[in-house]
Amino acid sequence: MDTGIFPIQTWENFEQQFWLHFFPVNVEVDVINALEGTSYHQGNRIVDDYLNSFQALVSDASYTDPQTLVVKFQRDLRLGIQNQIATMPYEQSANTNPDTWYRAARRIDQAYFANKAF
C-alpha cells in the first residue's frame, strides 16, 4: 500500500500522534519547571505581555502564595525595572503583595516608552 506523503494511515494513529505532540503528559510539572528554571524571563517583551504570560503560568502551576508570586515575578523582570521597584518607598508589605509589583512594573514600563517617544 502506498502511503504517499502521509505517514499516518488511521484516525486512531493520528489521534495518538496528535496527543503525543500537542498535549504534554503533565502540564503542571512543565509549567513549574518553566517557572523554577532560568529560561523564563521578561526579555524584550513589554511588561503587559510578560505579566500576562506570568499570570497564566502561575495559575497553571497553582501558585497562590503572594510572597512566592512577588519573588517569581520580580526575579524574571528586566534588571532596570527590578531595581526601580525595589528602591521605591513602599511599605514592607509590598513584598507580599503581587498587585503592587504588577502595577509598579507597568507604570515604569509605560514611562519608559513615553520618554522614548520624545
PDB file of N, CA and C in Angstrom:
ATOM      1  N   MET A   1       0.851  -1.173   0.000  1.00  0.00           N
ATOM      2  CA  MET A   1       0.000   0.000   0.000  1.00  0.00           C
ATOM      3  C   MET A   1       0.897   1.237   0.000  1.00  0.00           C
ATOM      4  N   ASP A   2       0.591   2.188  -0.883  1.00  0.00           N
ATOM      5  CA  ASP A   2       1.356   3.438  -0.997  1.00  0.00           C
ATOM      6  C   ASP A   2       0.766   4.469  -0.042  1.00  0.00           C
ATOM      7  N   THR A   3       1.616   4.948   0.902  1.00  0.00           N
ATOM      8  CA  THR A   3       1.126   5.929   1.869  1.00  0.00           C
ATOM      9  C   THR A   3       1.340   7.356   1.394  1.00  0.00           C
ATOM     10  N   GLY A   4       2.052   7.565   0.308  1.00  0.00           N
ATOM     11  CA  GLY A   4       2.278   8.922  -0.191  1.00  0.00           C
ATOM     12  C   GLY A   4       3.039   9.753   0.824  1.00  0.00           C
ATOM     13  N   ILE A   5       2.610  11.001   1.027  1.00  0.00           N
ATOM     14  CA  ILE A   5       3.308  11.884   1.959  1.00  0.00           C
ATOM     15  C   ILE A   5       2.726  11.831   3.363  1.00  0.00           C
ATOM     16  N   PHE A   6       1.674  11.061   3.553  1.00  0.00           N
ATOM     17  CA  PHE A   6       1.023  10.986   4.859  1.00  0.00           C
ATOM     18  C   PHE A   6       1.386   9.675   5.555  1.00  0.00           C
ATOM     19  N   PRO A   7       2.258   9.735   6.567  1.00  0.00           N
ATOM     20  CA  PRO A   7       2.652   8.506   7.258  1.00  0.00           C
ATOM     21  C   PRO A   7       1.581   7.976   8.208  1.00  0.00           C
ATOM     22  N   ILE A   8       0.575   8.796   8.512  1.00  0.00           N
ATOM     23  CA  ILE A   8      -0.494   8.387   9.421  1.00  0.00           C
ATOM     24  C   ILE A   8      -1.647   7.861   8.581  1.00  0.00           C
ATOM     25  N   GLN A   9      -1.984   6.601   8.830  1.00  0.00           N
ATOM     26  CA  GLN A   9      -2.964   5.955   7.955  1.00  0.00           C
ATOM     27  C   GLN A   9      -4.338   5.795   8.575  1.00  0.00           C
ATOM     28  N   THR A  10      -4.420   5.907   9.906  1.00  0.00           N
ATOM     29  CA  THR A  10      -5.726   5.724  10.540  1.00  0.00           C
ATOM     30  C   THR A  10      -6.024   6.895  11.461  1.00  0.00           C
ATOM     31  N   TRP A  11      -7.301   7.054  11.766  1.00  0.00           N
ATOM     32  CA  TRP A  11      -7.705   8.102  12.692  1.00  0.00           C
ATOM     33  C   TRP A  11      -7.094   7.863  14.072  1.00  0.00           C
ATOM     34  N   GLU A  12      -7.067   6.629  14.507  1.00  0.00           N
ATOM     35  CA  GLU A  12      -6.503   6.301  15.813  1.00  0.00           C
ATOM     36  C   GLU A  12      -5.021   6.670  15.876  1.00  0.00           C
ATOM     37  N   ASN A  13      -4.286   6.390  14.797  1.00  0.00           N
ATOM     38  CA  ASN A  13      -2.871   6.735  14.753  1.00  0.00           C
ATOM     39  C   ASN A  13      -2.684   8.249  14.758  1.00  0.00           C
ATOM     40  N   PHE A  14      -3.550   8.962  14.032  1.00  0.00           N
ATOM     41  CA  PHE A  14      -3.496  10.425  14.032  1.00  0.00           C
ATOM     42  C   PHE A  14      -3.753  10.974  15.428  1.00  0.00           C
ATOM     43  N   GLU A  15      -4.794  10.456  16.065  1.00  0.00           N
ATOM     44  CA  GLU A  15      -5.142  10.922  17.403  1.00  0.00           C
ATOM     45  C   GLU A  15      -3.997  10.657  18.386  1.00  0.00           C
ATOM     46  N   GLN A  16      -3.377   9.508  18.311  1.00  0.00           N
ATOM     47  CA  GLN A  16      -2.255   9.172  19.179  1.00  0.00           C
ATOM     48  C   GLN A  16      -1.087  10.133  18.947  1.00  0.00           C
ATOM     49  N   GLN A  17      -0.752  10.395  17.710  1.00  0.00           N
ATOM     50  CA  GLN A  17       0.345  11.305  17.387  1.00  0.00           C
ATOM     51  C   GLN A  17       0.016  12.740  17.812  1.00  0.00           C
ATOM     52  N   PHE A  18      -1.214  13.135  17.611  1.00  0.00           N
ATOM     53  CA  PHE A  18      -1.651  14.478  17.994  1.00  0.00           C
ATOM     54  C   PHE A  18      -1.481  14.683  19.499  1.00  0.00           C
ATOM     55  N   TRP A  19      -1.990  13.740  20.289  1.00  0.00           N
ATOM     56  CA  TRP A  19      -1.876  13.841  21.743  1.00  0.00           C
ATOM     57  C   TRP A  19      -0.416  13.813  22.184  1.00  0.00           C
ATOM     58  N   LEU A  20       0.381  12.989  21.541  1.00  0.00           N
ATOM     59  CA  LEU A  20       1.783  12.868  21.901  1.00  0.00           C
ATOM     60  C   LEU A  20       2.543  14.174  21.679  1.00  0.00           C
ATOM     61  N   HIS A  21       2.237  14.879  20.596  1.00  0.00           N
ATOM     62  CA  HIS A  21       2.989  16.077  20.233  1.00  0.00           C
ATOM     63  C   HIS A  21       2.412  17.386  20.756  1.00  0.00           C
ATOM     64  N   PHE A  22       1.119  17.441  21.022  1.00  0.00           N
ATOM     65  CA  PHE A  22       0.498  18.713  21.388  1.00  0.00           C
ATOM     66  C   PHE A  22      -0.052  18.785  22.811  1.00  0.00           C
ATOM     67  N   PHE A  23      -0.076  17.699  23.519  1.00  0.00           N
ATOM     68  CA  PHE A  23      -0.572  17.710  24.892  1.00  0.00           C
ATOM     69  C   PHE A  23       0.454  17.054  25.804  1.00  0.00           C
ATOM     70  N   PRO A  24       1.153  17.861  26.581  1.00  0.00           N
ATOM     71  CA  PRO A  24       2.159  17.288  27.469  1.00  0.00           C
ATOM     72  C   PRO A  24       1.532  16.334  28.485  1.00  0.00           C
ATOM     73  N   VAL A  25       2.334  15.415  28.948  1.00  0.00           N
ATOM     74  CA  VAL A  25       1.856  14.418  29.896  1.00  0.00           C
ATOM     75  C   VAL A  25       1.404  15.074  31.195  1.00  0.00           C
ATOM     76  N   ASN A  26       2.180  16.039  31.680  1.00  0.00           N
ATOM     77  CA  ASN A  26       1.839  16.683  32.936  1.00  0.00           C
ATOM     78  C   ASN A  26       2.066  18.188  32.804  1.00  0.00           C
ATOM     79  N   VAL A  27       1.014  18.905  32.477  1.00  0.00           N
ATOM     80  CA  VAL A  27       1.104  20.338  32.248  1.00  0.00           C
ATOM     81  C   VAL A  27       1.633  21.067  33.477  1.00  0.00           C
ATOM     82  N   GLU A  28       1.152  20.701  34.654  1.00  0.00           N
ATOM     83  CA  GLU A  28       1.572  21.390  35.880  1.00  0.00           C
ATOM     84  C   GLU A  28       3.080  21.255  36.101  1.00  0.00           C
ATOM     85  N   VAL A  29       3.625  20.074  35.875  1.00  0.00           N
ATOM     86  CA  VAL A  29       5.067  19.873  36.041  1.00  0.00           C
ATOM     87  C   VAL A  29       5.837  20.709  35.023  1.00  0.00           C
ATOM     88  N   ASP A  30       5.373  20.740  33.776  1.00  0.00           N
ATOM     89  CA  ASP A  30       6.040  21.546  32.747  1.00  0.00           C
ATOM     90  C   ASP A  30       6.040  23.025  33.110  1.00  0.00           C
ATOM     91  N   VAL A  31       4.916  23.505  33.620  1.00  0.00           N
ATOM     92  CA  VAL A  31       4.795  24.912  33.992  1.00  0.00           C
ATOM     93  C   VAL A  31       5.688  25.232  35.187  1.00  0.00           C
ATOM     94  N   ILE A  32       5.691  24.373  36.170  1.00  0.00           N
ATOM     95  CA  ILE A  32       6.544  24.585  37.346  1.00  0.00           C
ATOM     96  C   ILE A  32       8.013  24.590  36.927  1.00  0.00           C
ATOM     97  N   ASN A  33       8.390  23.690  36.045  1.00  0.00           N
ATOM     98  CA  ASN A  33       9.769  23.672  35.559  1.00  0.00           C
ATOM     99  C   ASN A  33      10.117  24.973  34.853  1.00  0.00           C
ATOM    100  N   ALA A  34       9.184  25.514  34.094  1.00  0.00           N
ATOM    101  CA  ALA A  34       9.431  26.798  33.415  1.00  0.00           C
ATOM    102  C   ALA A  34       9.616  27.919  34.436  1.00  0.00           C
ATOM    103  N   LEU A  35       8.781  27.945  35.454  1.00  0.00           N
ATOM    104  CA  LEU A  35       8.877  28.998  36.473  1.00  0.00           C
ATOM    105  C   LEU A  35      10.105  28.850  37.362  1.00  0.00           C
ATOM    106  N   GLU A  36      10.521  27.634  37.617  1.00  0.00           N
ATOM    107  CA  GLU A  36      11.659  27.401  38.500  1.00  0.00           C
ATOM    108  C   GLU A  36      12.993  27.469  37.765  1.00  0.00           C
ATOM    109  N   GLY A  37      12.944  27.360  36.457  1.00  0.00           N
ATOM    110  CA  GLY A  37      14.174  27.386  35.670  1.00  0.00           C
ATOM    111  C   GLY A  37      14.684  28.797  35.459  1.00  0.00           C
ATOM    112  N   THR A  38      15.712  28.901  34.655  1.00  0.00           N
ATOM    113  CA  THR A  38      16.324  30.202  34.392  1.00  0.00           C
ATOM    114  C   THR A  38      16.004  30.710  32.992  1.00  0.00           C
ATOM    115  N   SER A  39      15.177  30.011  32.262  1.00  0.00           N
ATOM    116  CA  SER A  39      14.921  30.406  30.872  1.00  0.00           C
ATOM    117  C   SER A  39      13.713  31.314  30.700  1.00  0.00           C
ATOM    118  N   TYR A  40      12.892  31.461  31.738  1.00  0.00           N
ATOM    119  CA  TYR A  40      11.688  32.273  31.597  1.00  0.00           C
ATOM    120  C   TYR A  40      11.932  33.663  32.161  1.00  0.00           C
ATOM    121  N   HIS A  41      12.114  34.610  31.276  1.00  0.00           N
ATOM    122  CA  HIS A  41      12.383  35.991  31.672  1.00  0.00           C
ATOM    123  C   HIS A  41      11.548  36.937  30.822  1.00  0.00           C
ATOM    124  N   GLN A  42      11.474  38.173  31.262  1.00  0.00           N
ATOM    125  CA  GLN A  42      10.749  39.181  30.502  1.00  0.00           C
ATOM    126  C   GLN A  42      11.400  39.402  29.145  1.00  0.00           C
ATOM    127  N   GLY A  43      12.724  39.428  29.136  1.00  0.00           N
ATOM    128  CA  GLY A  43      13.434  39.652  27.876  1.00  0.00           C
ATOM    129  C   GLY A  43      13.071  40.996  27.275  1.00  0.00           C
ATOM    130  N   ASN A  44      12.784  41.015  25.996  1.00  0.00           N
ATOM    131  CA  ASN A  44      12.454  42.257  25.291  1.00  0.00           C
ATOM    132  C   ASN A  44      10.963  42.542  25.259  1.00  0.00           C
ATOM    133  N   ARG A  45      10.179  41.704  25.918  1.00  0.00           N
ATOM    134  CA  ARG A  45       8.730  41.914  25.909  1.00  0.00           C
ATOM    135  C   ARG A  45       8.358  43.101  26.779  1.00  0.00           C
ATOM    136  N   ILE A  46       7.244  43.734  26.427  1.00  0.00           N
ATOM    137  CA  ILE A  46       6.726  44.783  27.299  1.00  0.00           C
ATOM    138  C   ILE A  46       6.184  44.116  28.560  1.00  0.00           C
ATOM    139  N   VAL A  47       6.062  44.879  29.623  1.00  0.00           N
ATOM    140  CA  VAL A  47       5.626  44.321  30.903  1.00  0.00           C
ATOM    141  C   VAL A  47       4.253  43.671  30.783  1.00  0.00           C
ATOM    142  N   ASP A  48       3.325  44.289  30.056  1.00  0.00           N
ATOM    143  CA  ASP A  48       1.983  43.701  29.934  1.00  0.00           C
ATOM    144  C   ASP A  48       2.040  42.288  29.338  1.00  0.00           C
ATOM    145  N   ASP A  49       2.861  42.093  28.312  1.00  0.00           N
ATOM    146  CA  ASP A  49       2.979  40.767  27.705  1.00  0.00           C
ATOM    147  C   ASP A  49       3.613  39.772  28.672  1.00  0.00           C
ATOM    148  N   TYR A  50       4.684  40.217  29.331  1.00  0.00           N
ATOM    149  CA  TYR A  50       5.339  39.351  30.319  1.00  0.00           C
ATOM    150  C   TYR A  50       4.371  39.022  31.461  1.00  0.00           C
ATOM    151  N   LEU A  51       3.643  40.009  31.945  1.00  0.00           N
ATOM    152  CA  LEU A  51       2.713  39.800  33.050  1.00  0.00           C
ATOM    153  C   LEU A  51       1.605  38.821  32.661  1.00  0.00           C
ATOM    154  N   ASN A  52       1.053  38.965  31.467  1.00  0.00           N
ATOM    155  CA  ASN A  52       0.008  38.034  31.021  1.00  0.00           C
ATOM    156  C   ASN A  52       0.529  36.598  30.994  1.00  0.00           C
ATOM    157  N   SER A  53       1.717  36.405  30.436  1.00  0.00           N
ATOM    158  CA  SER A  53       2.312  35.063  30.387  1.00  0.00           C
ATOM    159  C   SER A  53       2.604  34.549  31.797  1.00  0.00           C
ATOM    160  N   PHE A  54       3.152  35.416  32.633  1.00  0.00           N
ATOM    161  CA  PHE A  54       3.480  35.048  34.004  1.00  0.00           C
ATOM    162  C   PHE A  54       2.231  34.605  34.757  1.00  0.00           C
ATOM    163  N   GLN A  55       1.165  35.379  34.658  1.00  0.00           N
ATOM    164  CA  GLN A  55      -0.063  35.046  35.390  1.00  0.00           C
ATOM    165  C   GLN A  55      -0.672  33.737  34.893  1.00  0.00           C
ATOM    166  N   ALA A  56      -0.572  33.471  33.600  1.00  0.00           N
ATOM    167  CA  ALA A  56      -1.063  32.191  33.079  1.00  0.00           C
ATOM    168  C   ALA A  56      -0.231  31.040  33.634  1.00  0.00           C
ATOM    169  N   LEU A  57       1.086  31.216  33.679  1.00  0.00           N
ATOM    170  CA  LEU A  57       1.958  30.161  34.213  1.00  0.00           C
ATOM    171  C   LEU A  57       1.690  29.897  35.690  1.00  0.00           C
ATOM    172  N   VAL A  58       1.608  30.951  36.500  1.00  0.00           N
ATOM    173  CA  VAL A  58       1.402  30.720  37.936  1.00  0.00           C
ATOM    174  C   VAL A  58       0.021  30.131  38.201  1.00  0.00           C
ATOM    175  N   SER A  59      -0.945  30.463  37.373  1.00  0.00           N
ATOM    176  CA  SER A  59      -2.270  29.865  37.516  1.00  0.00           C
ATOM    177  C   SER A  59      -2.212  28.373  37.183  1.00  0.00           C
ATOM    178  N   ASP A  60      -1.550  28.032  36.084  1.00  0.00           N
ATOM    179  CA  ASP A  60      -1.426  26.622  35.695  1.00  0.00           C
ATOM    180  C   ASP A  60      -0.607  25.831  36.717  1.00  0.00           C
ATOM    181  N   ALA A  61       0.345  26.502  37.370  1.00  0.00           N
ATOM    182  CA  ALA A  61       1.182  25.840  38.376  1.00  0.00           C
ATOM    183  C   ALA A  61       0.500  25.803  39.743  1.00  0.00           C
ATOM    184  N   SER A  62      -0.645  26.448  39.858  1.00  0.00           N
ATOM    185  CA  SER A  62      -1.399  26.528  41.115  1.00  0.00           C
ATOM    186  C   SER A  62      -0.616  27.237  42.222  1.00  0.00           C
ATOM    187  N   TYR A  63       0.200  28.219  41.836  1.00  0.00           N
ATOM    188  CA  TYR A  63       0.907  29.028  42.832  1.00  0.00           C
ATOM    189  C   TYR A  63      -0.065  30.088  43.336  1.00  0.00           C
ATOM    190  N   THR A  64      -0.218  30.190  44.651  1.00  0.00           N
ATOM    191  CA  THR A  64      -1.131  31.175  45.211  1.00  0.00           C
ATOM    192  C   THR A  64      -0.505  32.021  46.314  1.00  0.00           C
ATOM    193  N   ASP A  65       0.629  31.585  46.856  1.00  0.00           N
ATOM    194  CA  ASP A  65       1.258  32.325  47.936  1.00  0.00           C
ATOM    195  C   ASP A  65       1.740  33.685  47.421  1.00  0.00           C
ATOM    196  N   PRO A  66       1.254  34.787  47.991  1.00  0.00           N
ATOM    197  CA  PRO A  66       1.614  36.118  47.488  1.00  0.00           C
ATOM    198  C   PRO A  66       3.116  36.396  47.480  1.00  0.00           C
ATOM    199  N   GLN A  67       3.818  35.987  48.519  1.00  0.00           N
ATOM    200  CA  GLN A  67       5.259  36.248  48.561  1.00  0.00           C
ATOM    201  C   GLN A  67       5.986  35.464  47.467  1.00  0.00           C
ATOM    202  N   THR A  68       5.562  34.246  47.213  1.00  0.00           N
ATOM    203  CA  THR A  68       6.147  33.453  46.126  1.00  0.00           C
ATOM    204  C   THR A  68       5.894  34.129  44.784  1.00  0.00           C
ATOM    205  N   LEU A  69       4.688  34.646  44.593  1.00  0.00           N
ATOM    206  CA  LEU A  69       4.365  35.330  43.335  1.00  0.00           C
ATOM    207  C   LEU A  69       5.251  36.557  43.139  1.00  0.00           C
ATOM    208  N   VAL A  70       5.456  37.323  44.197  1.00  0.00           N
ATOM    209  CA  VAL A  70       6.316  38.507  44.106  1.00  0.00           C
ATOM    210  C   VAL A  70       7.738  38.099  43.747  1.00  0.00           C
ATOM    211  N   VAL A  71       8.263  37.098  44.430  1.00  0.00           N
ATOM    212  CA  VAL A  71       9.643  36.663  44.184  1.00  0.00           C
ATOM    213  C   VAL A  71       9.814  36.180  42.744  1.00  0.00           C
ATOM    214  N   LYS A  72       8.891  35.364  42.266  1.00  0.00           N
ATOM    215  CA  LYS A  72       8.984  34.826  40.898  1.00  0.00           C
ATOM    216  C   LYS A  72       8.834  35.942  39.865  1.00  0.00           C
ATOM    217  N   PHE A  73       7.877  36.836  40.078  1.00  0.00           N
ATOM    218  CA  PHE A  73       7.663  37.935  39.136  1.00  0.00           C
ATOM    219  C   PHE A  73       8.877  38.853  39.099  1.00  0.00           C
ATOM    220  N   GLN A  74       9.354  39.216  40.261  1.00  0.00           N
ATOM    221  CA  GLN A  74      10.494  40.137  40.368  1.00  0.00           C
ATOM    222  C   GLN A  74      11.741  39.537  39.755  1.00  0.00           C
ATOM    223  N   ARG A  75      11.975  38.263  40.005  1.00  0.00           N
ATOM    224  CA  ARG A  75      13.187  37.593  39.523  1.00  0.00           C
ATOM    225  C   ARG A  75      13.318  37.633  38.008  1.00  0.00           C
ATOM    226  N   ASP A  76      12.208  37.557  37.303  1.00  0.00           N
ATOM    227  CA  ASP A  76      12.254  37.456  35.847  1.00  0.00           C
ATOM    228  C   ASP A  76      12.017  38.773  35.122  1.00  0.00           C
ATOM    229  N   LEU A  77      11.808  39.857  35.877  1.00  0.00           N
ATOM    230  CA  LEU A  77      11.717  41.189  35.261  1.00  0.00           C
ATOM    231  C   LEU A  77      13.099  41.638  34.781  1.00  0.00           C
ATOM    232  N   ARG A  78      13.099  42.555  33.832  1.00  0.00           N
ATOM    233  CA  ARG A  78      14.373  43.168  33.439  1.00  0.00           C
ATOM    234  C   ARG A  78      14.991  43.834  34.658  1.00  0.00           C
ATOM    235  N   LEU A  79      16.302  43.788  34.746  1.00  0.00           N
ATOM    236  CA  LEU A  79      17.023  44.273  35.918  1.00  0.00           C
ATOM    237  C   LEU A  79      16.716  45.736  36.230  1.00  0.00           C
ATOM    238  N   GLY A  80      16.611  46.587  35.214  1.00  0.00           N
ATOM    239  CA  GLY A  80      16.324  48.001  35.442  1.00  0.00           C
ATOM    240  C   GLY A  80      14.985  48.212  36.121  1.00  0.00           C
ATOM    241  N   ILE A  81      13.986  47.439  35.727  1.00  0.00           N
ATOM    242  CA  ILE A  81      12.659  47.554  36.345  1.00  0.00           C
ATOM    243  C   ILE A  81      12.709  47.008  37.767  1.00  0.00           C
ATOM    244  N   GLN A  82      13.383  45.877  37.949  1.00  0.00           N
ATOM    245  CA  GLN A  82      13.541  45.316  39.302  1.00  0.00           C
ATOM    246  C   GLN A  82      14.127  46.349  40.251  1.00  0.00           C
ATOM    247  N   ASN A  83      15.197  46.974  39.807  1.00  0.00           N
ATOM    248  CA  ASN A  83      15.890  47.940  40.670  1.00  0.00           C
ATOM    249  C   ASN A  83      15.020  49.143  41.001  1.00  0.00           C
ATOM    250  N   GLN A  84      14.281  49.643  40.021  1.00  0.00           N
ATOM    251  CA  GLN A  84      13.427  50.804  40.287  1.00  0.00           C
ATOM    252  C   GLN A  84      12.329  50.468  41.286  1.00  0.00           C
ATOM    253  N   ILE A  85      11.726  49.306  41.140  1.00  0.00           N
ATOM    254  CA  ILE A  85      10.656  48.925  42.064  1.00  0.00           C
ATOM    255  C   ILE A  85      11.229  48.672  43.455  1.00  0.00           C
ATOM    256  N   ALA A  86      12.364  48.007  43.509  1.00  0.00           N
ATOM    257  CA  ALA A  86      12.964  47.669  44.811  1.00  0.00           C
ATOM    258  C   ALA A  86      13.355  48.904  45.606  1.00  0.00           C
ATOM    259  N   THR A  87      13.628  50.007  44.920  1.00  0.00           N
ATOM    260  CA  THR A  87      14.040  51.221  45.632  1.00  0.00           C
ATOM    261  C   THR A  87      12.901  52.215  45.831  1.00  0.00           C
ATOM    262  N   MET A  88      11.700  51.864  45.433  1.00  0.00           N
ATOM    263  CA  MET A  88      10.544  52.739  45.663  1.00  0.00           C
ATOM    264  C   MET A  88      10.188  52.741  47.146  1.00  0.00           C
ATOM    265  N   PRO A  89       9.667  53.845  47.636  1.00  0.00           N
ATOM    266  CA  PRO A  89       9.334  53.944  49.067  1.00  0.00           C
ATOM    267  C   PRO A  89       8.005  53.257  49.399  1.00  0.00           C
ATOM    268  N   TYR A  90       7.998  51.934  49.342  1.00  0.00           N
ATOM    269  CA  TYR A  90       6.824  51.159  49.718  1.00  0.00           C
ATOM    270  C   TYR A  90       6.974  50.651  51.138  1.00  0.00           C
ATOM    271  N   GLU A  91       5.856  50.292  51.704  1.00  0.00           N
ATOM    272  CA  GLU A  91       5.893  49.601  52.986  1.00  0.00           C
ATOM    273  C   GLU A  91       6.449  48.194  52.759  1.00  0.00           C
ATOM    274  N   GLN A  92       6.893  47.570  53.797  1.00  0.00           N
ATOM    275  CA  GLN A  92       7.423  46.212  53.716  1.00  0.00           C
ATOM    276  C   GLN A  92       6.382  45.247  53.155  1.00  0.00           C
ATOM    277  N   SER A  93       5.103  45.539  53.352  1.00  0.00           N
ATOM    278  CA  SER A  93       4.041  44.647  52.884  1.00  0.00           C
ATOM    279  C   SER A  93       4.014  44.526  51.361  1.00  0.00           C
ATOM    280  N   ALA A  94       4.675  45.437  50.654  1.00  0.00           N
ATOM    281  CA  ALA A  94       4.711  45.340  49.194  1.00  0.00           C
ATOM    282  C   ALA A  94       5.401  44.058  48.750  1.00  0.00           C
ATOM    283  N   ASN A  95       6.276  43.526  49.568  1.00  0.00           N
ATOM    284  CA  ASN A  95       6.966  42.288  49.218  1.00  0.00           C
ATOM    285  C   ASN A  95       6.059  41.069  49.274  1.00  0.00           C
ATOM    286  N   THR A  96       4.884  41.242  49.827  1.00  0.00           N
ATOM    287  CA  THR A  96       3.918  40.145  49.847  1.00  0.00           C
ATOM    288  C   THR A  96       2.645  40.510  49.089  1.00  0.00           C
ATOM    289  N   ASN A  97       2.724  41.556  48.271  1.00  0.00           N
ATOM    290  CA  ASN A  97       1.556  41.988  47.507  1.00  0.00           C
ATOM    291  C   ASN A  97       1.907  42.025  46.014  1.00  0.00           C
ATOM    292  N   PRO A  98       1.582  40.955  45.288  1.00  0.00           N
ATOM    293  CA  PRO A  98       1.924  40.911  43.869  1.00  0.00           C
ATOM    294  C   PRO A  98       1.330  42.067  43.068  1.00  0.00           C
ATOM    295  N   ASP A  99       0.115  42.493  43.397  1.00  0.00           N
ATOM    296  CA  ASP A  99      -0.516  43.582  42.640  1.00  0.00           C
ATOM    297  C   ASP A  99       0.293  44.872  42.715  1.00  0.00           C
ATOM    298  N   THR A 100       0.940  45.123  43.850  1.00  0.00           N
ATOM    299  CA  THR A 100       1.796  46.299  43.978  1.00  0.00           C
ATOM    300  C   THR A 100       2.933  46.226  42.971  1.00  0.00           C
ATOM    301  N   TRP A 101       3.546  45.058  42.866  1.00  0.00           N
ATOM    302  CA  TRP A 101       4.641  44.874  41.912  1.00  0.00           C
ATOM    303  C   TRP A 101       4.140  44.951  40.473  1.00  0.00           C
ATOM    304  N   TYR A 102       2.996  44.354  40.183  1.00  0.00           N
ATOM    305  CA  TYR A 102       2.453  44.380  38.823  1.00  0.00           C
ATOM    306  C   TYR A 102       2.191  45.823  38.387  1.00  0.00           C
ATOM    307  N   ARG A 103       1.527  46.601  39.261  1.00  0.00           N
ATOM    308  CA  ARG A 103       1.218  47.999  38.924  1.00  0.00           C
ATOM    309  C   ARG A 103       2.488  48.822  38.752  1.00  0.00           C
ATOM    310  N   ALA A 104       3.442  48.647  39.639  1.00  0.00           N
ATOM    311  CA  ALA A 104       4.690  49.413  39.553  1.00  0.00           C
ATOM    312  C   ALA A 104       5.447  49.073  38.276  1.00  0.00           C
ATOM    313  N   ALA A 105       5.517  47.804  37.931  1.00  0.00           N
ATOM    314  CA  ALA A 105       6.223  47.397  36.711  1.00  0.00           C
ATOM    315  C   ALA A 105       5.549  47.991  35.478  1.00  0.00           C
ATOM    316  N   ARG A 106       4.223  47.980  35.465  1.00  0.00           N
ATOM    317  CA  ARG A 106       3.500  48.575  34.329  1.00  0.00           C
ATOM    318  C   ARG A 106       3.784  50.078  34.224  1.00  0.00           C
ATOM    319  N   ARG A 107       3.732  50.781  35.363  1.00  0.00           N
ATOM    320  CA  ARG A 107       3.992  52.231  35.355  1.00  0.00           C
ATOM    321  C   ARG A 107       5.397  52.536  34.845  1.00  0.00           C
ATOM    322  N   ILE A 108       6.378  51.801  35.313  1.00  0.00           N
ATOM    323  CA  ILE A 108       7.762  52.032  34.882  1.00  0.00           C
ATOM    324  C   ILE A 108       7.909  51.764  33.393  1.00  0.00           C
ATOM    325  N   ASP A 109       7.317  50.680  32.925  1.00  0.00           N
ATOM    326  CA  ASP A 109       7.398  50.338  31.510  1.00  0.00           C
ATOM    327  C   ASP A 109       6.711  51.403  30.650  1.00  0.00           C
ATOM    328  N   GLN A 110       5.537  51.846  31.073  1.00  0.00           N
ATOM    329  CA  GLN A 110       4.819  52.881  30.319  1.00  0.00           C
ATOM    330  C   GLN A 110       5.598  54.186  30.305  1.00  0.00           C
ATOM    331  N   ALA A 111       6.200  54.552  31.424  1.00  0.00           N
ATOM    332  CA  ALA A 111       7.004  55.774  31.483  1.00  0.00           C
ATOM    333  C   ALA A 111       8.220  55.665  30.568  1.00  0.00           C
ATOM    334  N   TYR A 112       8.823  54.501  30.528  1.00  0.00           N
ATOM    335  CA  TYR A 112       9.986  54.289  29.656  1.00  0.00           C
ATOM    336  C   TYR A 112       9.600  54.519  28.195  1.00  0.00           C
ATOM    337  N   PHE A 113       8.496  53.923  27.767  1.00  0.00           N
ATOM    338  CA  PHE A 113       8.090  54.067  26.371  1.00  0.00           C
ATOM    339  C   PHE A 113       7.605  55.468  26.056  1.00  0.00           C
ATOM    340  N   ALA A 114       6.977  56.132  27.026  1.00  0.00           N
ATOM    341  CA  ALA A 114       6.568  57.539  26.822  1.00  0.00           C
ATOM    342  C   ALA A 114       7.795  58.425  26.643  1.00  0.00           C
ATOM    343  N   ASN A 115       8.798  58.240  27.479  1.00  0.00           N
ATOM    344  CA  ASN A 115      10.040  59.022  27.363  1.00  0.00           C
ATOM    345  C   ASN A 115      10.769  58.707  26.068  1.00  0.00           C
ATOM    346  N   LYS A 116      10.739  57.469  25.680  1.00  0.00           N
ATOM    347  CA  LYS A 116      11.411  57.044  24.436  1.00  0.00           C
ATOM    348  C   LYS A 116      10.764  57.695  23.206  1.00  0.00           C
ATOM    349  N   ALA A 117       9.462  57.939  23.283  1.00  0.00           N
ATOM    350  CA  ALA A 117       8.744  58.543  22.162  1.00  0.00           C
ATOM    351  C   ALA A 117       9.169  60.000  21.944  1.00  0.00           C
ATOM    352  N   PHE A 118       9.667  60.639  22.993  1.00  0.00           N
ATOM    353  CA  PHE A 118      10.105  62.025  22.885  1.00  0.00           C
ATOM    354  C   PHE A 118      11.574  62.039  22.731  1.00  0.00           C
TER     355      PHE A 118
END
